[in-house]
Structures are given as structure tokens and as C-alpha cells.
Amino acid sequence: MPQGGIARRDAARAALRELKEEIGTDKAEFLAKAAQWLRYEVRRAPPPRLERALSRQVQKCSPLRFTGEDGDIDLASRHPEFNA
């Protein structure tokens, strides 16, 4: 899920960019997309400086099919979020 805010019309581009950042590849095709933006609530109290931003979170989910090969995936990054 892309973090840091995106323009709503650029959701697909942001998803592929985030995929590339997180797992080292953007070799994927969209299978579908949610018809609407989904709102969610942050249940733990955010730091005061983030309270307003986190109170308006929305996301759009899309299943993707990986179109590359195992070797295309590279979890090593400057700040890895996955260890396996």
C-alpha cells in the first residue's frame, strides 16, 4: 500500500512504484480495482503532529498478478520492511 499520500487519479502508478520500492520489482498487472475509496480509522492515538492526517485515511485495494520471475524480487533495500 503506498504510503505518504498520492493523488487519487494516480493510485495505479503509486501502487506499482510502492511495489518496486518494497520488493524490488514492478512486474505486475492489475486484475481489478475497488470501485470506491475505502475509509479506515486508526485505533491507537497518533502523535499530535499526525492526528489530522491520520484521521482522514483512505485506500483503494487492487489484486495484482506477478508477471516476473523469482529472480526479479529483491527484498534488500535501504530500509527493508520484510525479512523473508
PDB file of N, CA and C in Angstrom:
ATOM      1  N   MET A   1       0.846  -1.169   0.000  1.00  0.00           N
ATOM      2  CA  MET A   1       0.000   0.000   0.000  1.00  0.00           C
ATOM      3  C   MET A   1       0.891   1.230   0.000  1.00  0.00           C
ATOM      4  N   PRO A   2       0.695   2.066  -0.954  1.00  0.00           N
ATOM      5  CA  PRO A   2       1.503   3.278  -0.992  1.00  0.00           C
ATOM      6  C   PRO A   2       1.335   4.099   0.277  1.00  0.00           C
ATOM      7  N   GLN A   3       2.405   4.650   0.737  1.00  0.00           N
ATOM      8  CA  GLN A   3       2.394   5.485   1.932  1.00  0.00           C
ATOM      9  C   GLN A   3       2.772   6.909   1.545  1.00  0.00           C
ATOM     10  N   GLY A   4       2.364   7.849   2.350  1.00  0.00           N
ATOM     11  CA  GLY A   4       2.830   9.210   2.179  1.00  0.00           C
ATOM     12  C   GLY A   4       1.943  10.081   1.319  1.00  0.00           C
ATOM     13  N   GLY A   5       0.835   9.592   0.889  1.00  0.00           N
ATOM     14  CA  GLY A   5      -0.101  10.407   0.133  1.00  0.00           C
ATOM     15  C   GLY A   5       0.111  10.315  -1.368  1.00  0.00           C
ATOM     16  N   ILE A   6      -0.991  10.241  -2.075  1.00  0.00           N
ATOM     17  CA  ILE A   6      -0.964  10.193  -3.540  1.00  0.00           C
ATOM     18  C   ILE A   6      -2.153  10.960  -4.070  1.00  0.00           C
ATOM     19  N   ALA A   7      -2.059  11.374  -5.313  1.00  0.00           N
ATOM     20  CA  ALA A   7      -3.224  11.944  -5.977  1.00  0.00           C
ATOM     21  C   ALA A   7      -4.143  10.783  -6.330  1.00  0.00           C
ATOM     22  N   ARG A   8      -5.414  10.925  -6.075  1.00  0.00           N
ATOM     23  CA  ARG A   8      -6.336   9.795  -6.293  1.00  0.00           C
ATOM     24  C   ARG A   8      -6.277   9.247  -7.717  1.00  0.00           C
ATOM     25  N   ARG A   9      -6.067  10.088  -8.674  1.00  0.00           N
ATOM     26  CA  ARG A   9      -6.035   9.606 -10.057  1.00  0.00           C
ATOM     27  C   ARG A   9      -4.764   8.820 -10.370  1.00  0.00           C
ATOM     28  N   ASP A  10      -3.765   8.901  -9.495  1.00  0.00           N
ATOM     29  CA  ASP A  10      -2.503   8.215  -9.720  1.00  0.00           C
ATOM     30  C   ASP A  10      -2.341   6.963  -8.871  1.00  0.00           C
ATOM     31  N   ALA A  11      -3.418   6.392  -8.394  1.00  0.00           N
ATOM     32  CA  ALA A  11      -3.345   5.246  -7.483  1.00  0.00           C
ATOM     33  C   ALA A  11      -2.625   4.058  -8.120  1.00  0.00           C
ATOM     34  N   ALA A  12      -2.895   3.756  -9.363  1.00  0.00           N
ATOM     35  CA  ALA A  12      -2.261   2.603 -10.004  1.00  0.00           C
ATOM     36  C   ALA A  12      -0.757   2.822 -10.148  1.00  0.00           C
ATOM     37  N   ARG A  13      -0.374   3.999 -10.567  1.00  0.00           N
ATOM     38  CA  ARG A  13       1.049   4.316 -10.703  1.00  0.00           C
ATOM     39  C   ARG A  13       1.742   4.244  -9.339  1.00  0.00           C
ATOM     40  N   ALA A  14       1.093   4.759  -8.318  1.00  0.00           N
ATOM     41  CA  ALA A  14       1.667   4.735  -6.965  1.00  0.00           C
ATOM     42  C   ALA A  14       1.798   3.298  -6.462  1.00  0.00           C
ATOM     43  N   ALA A  15       0.834   2.455  -6.766  1.00  0.00           N
ATOM     44  CA  ALA A  15       0.894   1.059  -6.328  1.00  0.00           C
ATOM     45  C   ALA A  15       2.098   0.356  -6.941  1.00  0.00           C
ATOM     46  N   LEU A  16       2.339   0.567  -8.224  1.00  0.00           N
ATOM     47  CA  LEU A  16       3.489  -0.058  -8.875  1.00  0.00           C
ATOM     48  C   LEU A  16       4.799   0.519  -8.349  1.00  0.00           C
ATOM     49  N   ARG A  17       4.825   1.818  -8.095  1.00  0.00           N
ATOM     50  CA  ARG A  17       6.020   2.447  -7.525  1.00  0.00           C
ATOM     51  C   ARG A  17       6.320   1.854  -6.142  1.00  0.00           C
ATOM     52  N   GLU A  18       5.288   1.702  -5.330  1.00  0.00           N
ATOM     53  CA  GLU A  18       5.470   1.159  -3.988  1.00  0.00           C
ATOM     54  C   GLU A  18       5.914  -0.305  -4.056  1.00  0.00           C
ATOM     55  N   LEU A  19       5.356  -1.065  -4.972  1.00  0.00           N
ATOM     56  CA  LEU A  19       5.764  -2.451  -5.159  1.00  0.00           C
ATOM     57  C   LEU A  19       7.255  -2.519  -5.486  1.00  0.00           C
ATOM     58  N   LYS A  20       7.698  -1.638  -6.374  1.00  0.00           N
ATOM     59  CA  LYS A  20       9.115  -1.587  -6.755  1.00  0.00           C
ATOM     60  C   LYS A  20       9.983  -1.239  -5.545  1.00  0.00           C
ATOM     61  N   GLU A  21       9.543  -0.287  -4.742  1.00  0.00           N
ATOM     62  CA  GLU A  21      10.312   0.106  -3.556  1.00  0.00           C
ATOM     63  C   GLU A  21      10.375  -1.014  -2.519  1.00  0.00           C
ATOM     64  N   GLU A  22       9.293  -1.728  -2.344  1.00  0.00           N
ATOM     65  CA  GLU A  22       9.208  -2.725  -1.268  1.00  0.00           C
ATOM     66  C   GLU A  22       9.787  -4.083  -1.641  1.00  0.00           C
ATOM     67  N   ILE A  23       9.567  -4.535  -2.872  1.00  0.00           N
ATOM     68  CA  ILE A  23      10.044  -5.879  -3.230  1.00  0.00           C
ATOM     69  C   ILE A  23      10.967  -5.886  -4.447  1.00  0.00           C
ATOM     70  N   GLY A  24      11.358  -4.699  -4.922  1.00  0.00           N
ATOM     71  CA  GLY A  24      12.368  -4.624  -5.957  1.00  0.00           C
ATOM     72  C   GLY A  24      11.882  -4.816  -7.377  1.00  0.00           C
ATOM     73  N   THR A  25      10.601  -4.952  -7.588  1.00  0.00           N
ATOM     74  CA  THR A  25      10.079  -5.129  -8.945  1.00  0.00           C
ATOM     75  C   THR A  25       8.691  -4.520  -9.065  1.00  0.00           C
ATOM     76  N   ASP A  26       8.384  -4.083 -10.265  1.00  0.00           N
ATOM     77  CA  ASP A  26       7.028  -3.606 -10.547  1.00  0.00           C
ATOM     78  C   ASP A  26       6.403  -4.444 -11.667  1.00  0.00           C
ATOM     79  N   LYS A  27       6.928  -5.643 -11.825  1.00  0.00           N
ATOM     80  CA  LYS A  27       6.418  -6.543 -12.854  1.00  0.00           C
ATOM     81  C   LYS A  27       5.118  -7.179 -12.373  1.00  0.00           C
ATOM     82  N   ALA A  28       4.037  -6.508 -12.634  1.00  0.00           N
ATOM     83  CA  ALA A  28       2.724  -6.977 -12.195  1.00  0.00           C
ATOM     84  C   ALA A  28       1.660  -6.352 -13.068  1.00  0.00           C
ATOM     85  N   GLU A  29       0.543  -7.026 -13.149  1.00  0.00           N
ATOM     86  CA  GLU A  29      -0.591  -6.479 -13.890  1.00  0.00           C
ATOM     87  C   GLU A  29      -1.796  -6.423 -12.964  1.00  0.00           C
ATOM     88  N   PHE A  30      -2.597  -5.392 -13.139  1.00  0.00           N
ATOM     89  CA  PHE A  30      -3.788  -5.224 -12.321  1.00  0.00           C
ATOM     90  C   PHE A  30      -4.875  -6.179 -12.802  1.00  0.00           C
ATOM     91  N   LEU A  31      -5.500  -6.877 -11.869  1.00  0.00           N
ATOM     92  CA  LEU A  31      -6.592  -7.788 -12.201  1.00  0.00           C
ATOM     93  C   LEU A  31      -7.951  -7.104 -12.037  1.00  0.00           C
ATOM     94  N   ALA A  32      -8.027  -6.191 -11.099  1.00  0.00           N
ATOM     95  CA  ALA A  32      -9.276  -5.468 -10.815  1.00  0.00           C
ATOM     96  C   ALA A  32      -8.911  -4.290  -9.922  1.00  0.00           C
ATOM     97  N   LYS A  33      -9.896  -3.471  -9.626  1.00  0.00           N
ATOM     98  CA  LYS A  33      -9.674  -2.416  -8.636  1.00  0.00           C
ATOM     99  C   LYS A  33     -10.973  -2.148  -7.905  1.00  0.00           C
ATOM    100  N   ALA A  34     -10.820  -1.710  -6.685  1.00  0.00           N
ATOM    101  CA  ALA A  34     -12.005  -1.402  -5.880  1.00  0.00           C
ATOM    102  C   ALA A  34     -12.781  -0.277  -6.559  1.00  0.00           C
ATOM    103  N   ALA A  35     -14.075  -0.347  -6.486  1.00  0.00           N
ATOM    104  CA  ALA A  35     -14.919   0.657  -7.124  1.00  0.00           C
ATOM    105  C   ALA A  35     -14.871   1.997  -6.412  1.00  0.00           C
ATOM    106  N   GLN A  36     -14.531   1.963  -5.132  1.00  0.00           N
ATOM    107  CA  GLN A  36     -14.513   3.213  -4.369  1.00  0.00           C
ATOM    108  C   GLN A  36     -13.349   3.221  -3.394  1.00  0.00           C
ATOM    109  N   TRP A  37     -13.038   4.392  -2.902  1.00  0.00           N
ATOM    110  CA  TRP A  37     -12.021   4.538  -1.872  1.00  0.00           C
ATOM    111  C   TRP A  37     -12.610   4.062  -0.547  1.00  0.00           C
ATOM    112  N   LEU A  38     -11.816   3.343   0.213  1.00  0.00           N
ATOM    113  CA  LEU A  38     -12.250   2.796   1.493  1.00  0.00           C
ATOM    114  C   LEU A  38     -11.644   3.621   2.624  1.00  0.00           C
ATOM    115  N   ARG A  39     -12.492   4.070   3.527  1.00  0.00           N
ATOM    116  CA  ARG A  39     -12.012   4.843   4.682  1.00  0.00           C
ATOM    117  C   ARG A  39     -11.731   3.887   5.835  1.00  0.00           C
ATOM    118  N   TYR A  40     -10.725   4.206   6.606  1.00  0.00           N
ATOM    119  CA  TYR A  40     -10.456   3.412   7.790  1.00  0.00           C
ATOM    120  C   TYR A  40     -10.036   4.317   8.933  1.00  0.00           C
ATOM    121  N   GLU A  41     -10.135   3.775  10.104  1.00  0.00           N
ATOM    122  CA  GLU A  41      -9.897   4.519  11.330  1.00  0.00           C
ATOM    123  C   GLU A  41      -8.652   3.990  12.025  1.00  0.00           C
ATOM    124  N   VAL A  42      -7.776   4.883  12.427  1.00  0.00           N
ATOM    125  CA  VAL A  42      -6.595   4.493  13.184  1.00  0.00           C
ATOM    126  C   VAL A  42      -7.030   4.336  14.638  1.00  0.00           C
ATOM    127  N   ARG A  43      -6.875   3.155  15.192  1.00  0.00           N
ATOM    128  CA  ARG A  43      -7.410   2.871  16.529  1.00  0.00           C
ATOM    129  C   ARG A  43      -6.506   3.335  17.667  1.00  0.00           C
ATOM    130  N   ARG A  44      -5.243   3.427  17.437  1.00  0.00           N
ATOM    131  CA  ARG A  44      -4.378   3.921  18.508  1.00  0.00           C
ATOM    132  C   ARG A  44      -4.174   5.426  18.325  1.00  0.00           C
ATOM    133  N   ALA A  45      -3.935   6.108  19.399  1.00  0.00           N
ATOM    134  CA  ALA A  45      -3.786   7.567  19.341  1.00  0.00           C
ATOM    135  C   ALA A  45      -2.492   7.923  18.610  1.00  0.00           C
ATOM    136  N   PRO A  46      -2.598   8.658  17.522  1.00  0.00           N
ATOM    137  CA  PRO A  46      -1.396   9.058  16.783  1.00  0.00           C
ATOM    138  C   PRO A  46      -0.703  10.218  17.490  1.00  0.00           C
ATOM    139  N   PRO A  47       0.565  10.436  17.175  1.00  0.00           N
ATOM    140  CA  PRO A  47       1.237  11.613  17.729  1.00  0.00           C
ATOM    141  C   PRO A  47       0.473  12.869  17.303  1.00  0.00           C
ATOM    142  N   PRO A  48       0.433  13.889  18.141  1.00  0.00           N
ATOM    143  CA  PRO A  48      -0.345  15.099  17.823  1.00  0.00           C
ATOM    144  C   PRO A  48      -0.055  15.685  16.450  1.00  0.00           C
ATOM    145  N   ARG A  49       1.194  15.649  16.006  1.00  0.00           N
ATOM    146  CA  ARG A  49       1.522  16.241  14.705  1.00  0.00           C
ATOM    147  C   ARG A  49       0.925  15.463  13.533  1.00  0.00           C
ATOM    148  N   LEU A  50       0.529  14.207  13.753  1.00  0.00           N
ATOM    149  CA  LEU A  50      -0.038  13.381  12.684  1.00  0.00           C
ATOM    150  C   LEU A  50      -1.539  13.154  12.828  1.00  0.00           C
ATOM    151  N   GLU A  51      -2.114  13.635  13.911  1.00  0.00           N
ATOM    152  CA  GLU A  51      -3.513  13.335  14.205  1.00  0.00           C
ATOM    153  C   GLU A  51      -4.456  13.712  13.063  1.00  0.00           C
ATOM    154  N   ARG A  52      -4.332  14.900  12.534  1.00  0.00           N
ATOM    155  CA  ARG A  52      -5.233  15.334  11.464  1.00  0.00           C
ATOM    156  C   ARG A  52      -5.054  14.486  10.198  1.00  0.00           C
ATOM    157  N   ALA A  53      -3.819  14.258   9.802  1.00  0.00           N
ATOM    158  CA  ALA A  53      -3.555  13.479   8.592  1.00  0.00           C
ATOM    159  C   ALA A  53      -4.068  12.052   8.717  1.00  0.00           C
ATOM    160  N   LEU A  54      -3.870  11.439   9.870  1.00  0.00           N
ATOM    161  CA  LEU A  54      -4.285  10.049  10.039  1.00  0.00           C
ATOM    162  C   LEU A  54      -5.786   9.894  10.220  1.00  0.00           C
ATOM    163  N   SER A  55      -6.467  10.956  10.555  1.00  0.00           N
ATOM    164  CA  SER A  55      -7.910  10.844  10.751  1.00  0.00           C
ATOM    165  C   SER A  55      -8.667  10.780   9.426  1.00  0.00           C
ATOM    166  N   ARG A  56      -7.997  11.040   8.320  1.00  0.00           N
ATOM    167  CA  ARG A  56      -8.669  11.059   7.011  1.00  0.00           C
ATOM    168  C   ARG A  56      -8.124   9.995   6.069  1.00  0.00           C
ATOM    169  N   GLN A  57      -7.636   8.903   6.584  1.00  0.00           N
ATOM    170  CA  GLN A  57      -7.007   7.896   5.741  1.00  0.00           C
ATOM    171  C   GLN A  57      -8.024   7.165   4.861  1.00  0.00           C
ATOM    172  N   VAL A  58      -7.653   6.976   3.621  1.00  0.00           N
ATOM    173  CA  VAL A  58      -8.437   6.182   2.683  1.00  0.00           C
ATOM    174  C   VAL A  58      -7.460   5.320   1.889  1.00  0.00           C
ATOM    175  N   GLN A  59      -7.957   4.247   1.353  1.00  0.00           N
ATOM    176  CA  GLN A  59      -7.138   3.400   0.497  1.00  0.00           C
ATOM    177  C   GLN A  59      -8.010   2.737  -0.552  1.00  0.00           C
ATOM    178  N   LYS A  60      -7.362   2.294  -1.596  1.00  0.00           N
ATOM    179  CA  LYS A  60      -8.049   1.553  -2.639  1.00  0.00           C
ATOM    180  C   LYS A  60      -7.237   0.284  -2.868  1.00  0.00           C
ATOM    181  N   CYS A  61      -7.870  -0.861  -2.780  1.00  0.00           N
ATOM    182  CA  CYS A  61      -7.186  -2.143  -2.903  1.00  0.00           C
ATOM    183  C   CYS A  61      -7.369  -2.714  -4.302  1.00  0.00           C
ATOM    184  N   SER A  62      -6.316  -3.327  -4.801  1.00  0.00           N
ATOM    185  CA  SER A  62      -6.357  -3.957  -6.110  1.00  0.00           C
ATOM    186  C   SER A  62      -5.540  -5.232  -6.085  1.00  0.00           C
ATOM    187  N   PRO A  63      -6.107  -6.342  -6.520  1.00  0.00           N
ATOM    188  CA  PRO A  63      -5.287  -7.551  -6.660  1.00  0.00           C
ATOM    189  C   PRO A  63      -4.419  -7.421  -7.912  1.00  0.00           C
ATOM    190  N   LEU A  64      -3.187  -7.861  -7.800  1.00  0.00           N
ATOM    191  CA  LEU A  64      -2.265  -7.840  -8.932  1.00  0.00           C
ATOM    192  C   LEU A  64      -1.738  -9.242  -9.176  1.00  0.00           C
ATOM    193  N   ARG A  65      -1.360  -9.513 -10.398  1.00  0.00           N
ATOM    194  CA  ARG A  65      -0.721 -10.784 -10.751  1.00  0.00           C
ATOM    195  C   ARG A  65       0.747 -10.487 -11.040  1.00  0.00           C
ATOM    196  N   PHE A  66       1.632 -11.203 -10.371  1.00  0.00           N
ATOM    197  CA  PHE A  66       3.067 -11.059 -10.605  1.00  0.00           C
ATOM    198  C   PHE A  66       3.389 -11.623 -11.976  1.00  0.00           C
ATOM    199  N   THR A  67       4.044 -10.847 -12.806  1.00  0.00           N
ATOM    200  CA  THR A  67       4.338 -11.267 -14.175  1.00  0.00           C
ATOM    201  C   THR A  67       5.822 -11.535 -14.402  1.00  0.00           C
ATOM    202  N   GLY A  68       6.616 -11.421 -13.354  1.00  0.00           N
ATOM    203  CA  GLY A  68       8.049 -11.637 -13.496  1.00  0.00           C
ATOM    204  C   GLY A  68       8.454 -13.034 -13.107  1.00  0.00           C
ATOM    205  N   GLU A  69       9.720 -13.159 -12.765  1.00  0.00           N
ATOM    206  CA  GLU A  69      10.291 -14.420 -12.312  1.00  0.00           C
ATOM    207  C   GLU A  69      10.810 -14.231 -10.894  1.00  0.00           C
ATOM    208  N   ASP A  70      11.054 -15.330 -10.199  1.00  0.00           N
ATOM    209  CA  ASP A  70      11.526 -15.247  -8.818  1.00  0.00           C
ATOM    210  C   ASP A  70      12.722 -14.311  -8.675  1.00  0.00           C
ATOM    211  N   GLY A  71      13.633 -14.342  -9.625  1.00  0.00           N
ATOM    212  CA  GLY A  71      14.835 -13.515  -9.568  1.00  0.00           C
ATOM    213  C   GLY A  71      14.563 -12.026  -9.651  1.00  0.00           C
ATOM    214  N   ASP A  72      13.385 -11.649 -10.084  1.00  0.00           N
ATOM    215  CA  ASP A  72      13.035 -10.228 -10.167  1.00  0.00           C
ATOM    216  C   ASP A  72      12.758  -9.627  -8.790  1.00  0.00           C
ATOM    217  N   ILE A  73      12.454 -10.464  -7.824  1.00  0.00           N
ATOM    218  CA  ILE A  73      12.132  -9.972  -6.480  1.00  0.00           C
ATOM    219  C   ILE A  73      13.418  -9.795  -5.691  1.00  0.00           C
ATOM    220  N   ASP A  74      13.590  -8.613  -5.094  1.00  0.00           N
ATOM    221  CA  ASP A  74      14.767  -8.294  -4.308  1.00  0.00           C
ATOM    222  C   ASP A  74      14.317  -7.541  -3.066  1.00  0.00           C
ATOM    223  N   LEU A  75      14.276  -8.233  -1.940  1.00  0.00           N
ATOM    224  CA  LEU A  75      13.798  -7.628  -0.694  1.00  0.00           C
ATOM    225  C   LEU A  75      14.836  -6.734  -0.030  1.00  0.00           C
ATOM    226  N   ALA A  76      16.076  -6.785  -0.505  1.00  0.00           N
ATOM    227  CA  ALA A  76      17.119  -5.944   0.078  1.00  0.00           C
ATOM    228  C   ALA A  76      16.913  -4.514  -0.386  1.00  0.00           C
ATOM    229  N   SER A  77      16.790  -3.631   0.557  1.00  0.00           N
ATOM    230  CA  SER A  77      16.665  -2.213   0.237  1.00  0.00           C
ATOM    231  C   SER A  77      17.335  -1.435   1.355  1.00  0.00           C
ATOM    232  N   ARG A  78      17.361  -0.160   1.209  1.00  0.00           N
ATOM    233  CA  ARG A  78      17.986   0.681   2.229  1.00  0.00           C
ATOM    234  C   ARG A  78      17.313   0.520   3.579  1.00  0.00           C
ATOM    235  N   HIS A  79      15.987   0.414   3.572  1.00  0.00           N
ATOM    236  CA  HIS A  79      15.205   0.221   4.797  1.00  0.00           C
ATOM    237  C   HIS A  79      14.229  -0.926   4.573  1.00  0.00           C
ATOM    238  N   PRO A  80      14.693  -2.168   4.620  1.00  0.00           N
ATOM    239  CA  PRO A  80      13.814  -3.301   4.324  1.00  0.00           C
ATOM    240  C   PRO A  80      12.651  -3.406   5.316  1.00  0.00           C
ATOM    241  N   GLU A  81      11.481  -3.717   4.778  1.00  0.00           N
ATOM    242  CA  GLU A  81      10.291  -3.904   5.617  1.00  0.00           C
ATOM    243  C   GLU A  81       9.973  -5.379   5.797  1.00  0.00           C
ATOM    244  N   PHE A  82      10.610  -6.224   5.008  1.00  0.00           N
ATOM    245  CA  PHE A  82      10.391  -7.665   5.079  1.00  0.00           C
ATOM    246  C   PHE A  82      11.711  -8.357   5.307  1.00  0.00           C
ATOM    247  N   ASN A  83      11.689  -9.477   5.997  1.00  0.00           N
ATOM    248  CA  ASN A  83      12.931 -10.223   6.199  1.00  0.00           C
ATOM    249  C   ASN A  83      12.854 -11.621   5.590  1.00  0.00           C
ATOM    250  N   ALA A  84      11.718 -11.923   4.954  1.00  0.00           N
ATOM    251  CA  ALA A  84      11.581 -13.227   4.283  1.00  0.00           C
ATOM    252  C   ALA A  84      10.518 -13.113   3.210  1.00  0.00           C
TER     253      ALA A  84
END
